[in-house]
Amino acid sequence: MHFEFELTQEVLSDAATLCERVYGLSLTIDRDVLREISEQAEGTLFQLNMSTLPNVAKVAGHVAFWIRKLKPIAHAPDSTHKMLTINEIVGILVGVGICQKYFDDQTRKGFRLPKRIMLDWVMSLRTHSHSPHSCAITFEFLASDS
């Protein structure tokens, strides 16, 4: 199995840009940490012992977890505002972006994450224990038809 580093970088850059625009921030992305996220996500996805590549919801969950854990996003020195939860926000947005861009069932339009769930999840990721697998299961539920 091989995890696509470019996928994470592209979707992460889009999420960071969105956060800069919405929250009035100036952010930087540590490319070395981004490579580490790719390696860690590939490792935890490999632990699933699947005979085929994992679906996008699993990839989204593992990537979101490792973004939250390793924190590749920092506030640039010229940023006038600061958000302590920026890596959690970007992690979830990257997961949603992965699901929407690379959705397994191309006949579906993906899903929207309600604001209340987003805020609850951001705070939970910030203050509670999570695992790559718990994040993957959450994206599985969000991306399911049910």
Protein backbone atom coordinates (compact mmCIF):
# COMPACT_ATOMS: atom_id res chain seq x y z
CA MET A 1 0.00 0.00 0.00
CA HIS A 2 1.24 3.51 -0.75
CA PHE A 3 -0.30 6.69 0.58
CA GLU A 4 -0.21 9.67 -1.76
CA PHE A 5 1.72 12.55 -0.15
CA GLU A 6 0.57 14.95 -2.86
CA LEU A 7 -3.06 14.27 -1.96
CA THR A 8 -2.51 15.42 1.61
CA GLN A 9 -0.46 18.45 0.60
CA GLU A 10 -3.03 19.67 -1.94
CA VAL A 11 -6.06 19.18 0.28
CA LEU A 12 -4.23 20.55 3.34
CA SER A 13 -3.19 23.68 1.46
CA ASP A 14 -6.82 24.22 0.40
CA ALA A 15 -8.01 23.80 4.02
CA ALA A 16 -5.33 26.16 5.38
CA THR A 17 -6.19 28.77 2.76
CA LEU A 18 -9.88 28.51 3.68
CA CYS A 19 -9.03 29.02 7.37
CA GLU A 20 -6.86 32.01 6.55
CA ARG A 21 -9.73 33.61 4.65
CA VAL A 22 -12.52 32.75 7.10
CA TYR A 23 -10.65 33.46 10.36
CA GLY A 24 -8.32 36.26 9.18
CA LEU A 25 -5.17 34.27 9.89
CA SER A 26 -1.78 33.97 8.27
CA LEU A 27 -0.58 30.36 8.46
CA THR A 28 2.49 28.35 7.56
CA ILE A 29 2.71 24.64 6.76
CA ASP A 30 5.72 22.63 7.89
CA ARG A 31 6.48 20.38 4.90
CA ASP A 32 8.70 18.09 7.00
CA VAL A 33 5.83 17.44 9.41
CA LEU A 34 3.55 16.90 6.43
CA ARG A 35 5.86 14.13 5.18
CA GLU A 36 5.80 12.60 8.67
CA ILE A 37 1.98 12.71 8.62
CA SER A 38 2.02 10.81 5.34
CA GLU A 39 4.34 8.18 6.79
CA GLN A 40 2.34 7.81 10.00
CA ALA A 41 -1.00 7.61 8.17
CA GLU A 42 0.38 4.97 5.84
CA GLY A 43 1.65 3.01 8.85
CA THR A 44 -1.62 3.08 10.77
CA LEU A 45 -3.62 2.29 7.64
CA PHE A 46 -1.30 -0.66 6.98
CA GLN A 47 -2.13 -1.99 10.47
CA LEU A 48 -5.69 -2.57 9.26
CA ASN A 49 -4.37 -5.63 7.35
CA MET A 50 -6.67 -5.03 4.40
CA SER A 51 -6.18 -6.94 1.15
CA THR A 52 -7.08 -3.82 -0.86
CA LEU A 53 -6.43 -0.13 -0.38
CA PRO A 54 -8.65 1.39 2.32
CA ASN A 55 -11.65 3.48 1.30
CA VAL A 56 -11.44 7.26 1.40
CA ALA A 57 -13.25 7.55 4.75
CA LYS A 58 -10.53 5.46 6.40
CA VAL A 59 -7.79 7.49 4.72
CA ALA A 60 -9.54 10.73 5.75
CA GLY A 61 -9.76 9.64 9.38
CA HIS A 62 -6.14 8.57 9.63
CA VAL A 63 -4.87 11.74 7.95
CA ALA A 64 -7.11 13.96 10.11
CA PHE A 65 -5.83 12.23 13.25
CA TRP A 66 -2.17 12.68 12.32
CA ILE A 67 -2.67 16.34 11.40
CA ARG A 68 -4.25 16.89 14.80
CA LYS A 69 -1.48 14.94 16.53
CA LEU A 70 1.63 16.24 14.73
CA LYS A 71 0.45 19.83 14.12
CA PRO A 72 1.92 20.89 10.76
CA ILE A 73 0.10 24.24 10.80
CA ALA A 74 1.58 27.25 12.63
CA HIS A 75 0.66 30.89 12.77
CA ALA A 76 2.96 33.06 10.66
CA PRO A 77 4.75 35.89 12.50
CA ASP A 78 2.57 38.44 10.67
CA SER A 79 -0.71 36.77 11.73
CA THR A 80 -2.81 39.25 13.68
CA HIS A 81 -5.03 36.53 15.17
CA LYS A 82 -4.28 33.17 16.70
CA MET A 83 -6.43 30.05 17.04
CA LEU A 84 -5.17 27.30 19.31
CA THR A 85 -7.44 24.77 17.59
CA ILE A 86 -6.19 25.47 14.07
CA ASN A 87 -4.62 22.02 13.54
CA GLU A 88 -7.79 20.28 14.71
CA ILE A 89 -9.91 22.44 12.39
CA VAL A 90 -7.58 21.88 9.44
CA GLY A 91 -7.40 18.15 10.20
CA ILE A 92 -11.17 17.78 10.01
CA LEU A 93 -11.39 19.97 6.91
CA VAL A 94 -8.70 17.87 5.23
CA GLY A 95 -10.64 14.71 6.08
CA VAL A 96 -13.82 16.18 4.63
CA GLY A 97 -11.86 17.39 1.59
CA ILE A 98 -10.39 13.93 1.01
CA CYS A 99 -13.87 12.40 1.20
CA GLN A 100 -15.35 14.96 -1.16
CA LYS A 101 -12.53 14.90 -3.70
CA TYR A 102 -11.85 11.18 -3.75
CA PHE A 103 -15.25 9.76 -2.79
CA ASP A 104 -15.48 6.00 -3.42
CA ASP A 105 -18.98 6.25 -4.91
CA GLN A 106 -18.73 8.97 -7.56
CA THR A 107 -22.53 8.96 -8.01
CA ARG A 108 -22.88 10.59 -4.59
CA LYS A 109 -22.08 14.23 -3.91
CA GLY A 110 -20.33 13.59 -0.60
CA PHE A 111 -21.51 15.08 2.67
CA ARG A 112 -21.62 18.30 4.63
CA LEU A 113 -20.43 18.48 8.20
CA PRO A 114 -22.97 20.38 10.34
CA LYS A 115 -21.43 23.30 12.28
CA ARG A 116 -22.46 21.90 15.68
CA ILE A 117 -20.75 18.57 14.97
CA MET A 118 -17.67 20.37 13.64
CA LEU A 119 -17.33 22.50 16.78
CA ASP A 120 -17.89 19.52 19.11
CA TRP A 121 -15.39 17.41 17.19
CA VAL A 122 -12.74 20.15 17.15
CA MET A 123 -12.95 20.54 20.93
CA SER A 124 -12.95 16.79 21.47
CA LEU A 125 -9.87 16.36 19.27
CA ARG A 126 -8.18 19.18 21.19
CA THR A 127 -8.90 17.92 24.71
CA HIS A 128 -9.60 14.16 24.61
CA SER A 129 -7.88 10.97 23.55
CA HIS A 130 -8.55 9.78 20.02
CA SER A 131 -6.94 7.24 17.71
CA PRO A 132 -6.51 7.07 13.95
CA HIS A 133 -9.12 4.31 13.93
CA SER A 134 -11.70 6.32 15.92
CA CYS A 135 -11.35 9.21 13.46
CA ALA A 136 -11.71 6.77 10.54
CA ILE A 137 -14.89 5.34 12.02
CA THR A 138 -16.30 8.85 12.42
CA PHE A 139 -15.64 9.60 8.76
CA GLU A 140 -17.18 6.23 7.85
CA PHE A 141 -20.40 7.29 9.60
CA LEU A 142 -20.38 10.74 8.04
CA ALA A 143 -19.77 9.38 4.55
CA SER A 144 -22.32 6.55 4.79
CA ASP A 145 -25.76 6.61 3.22
CA SER A 146 -27.49 5.95 6.54
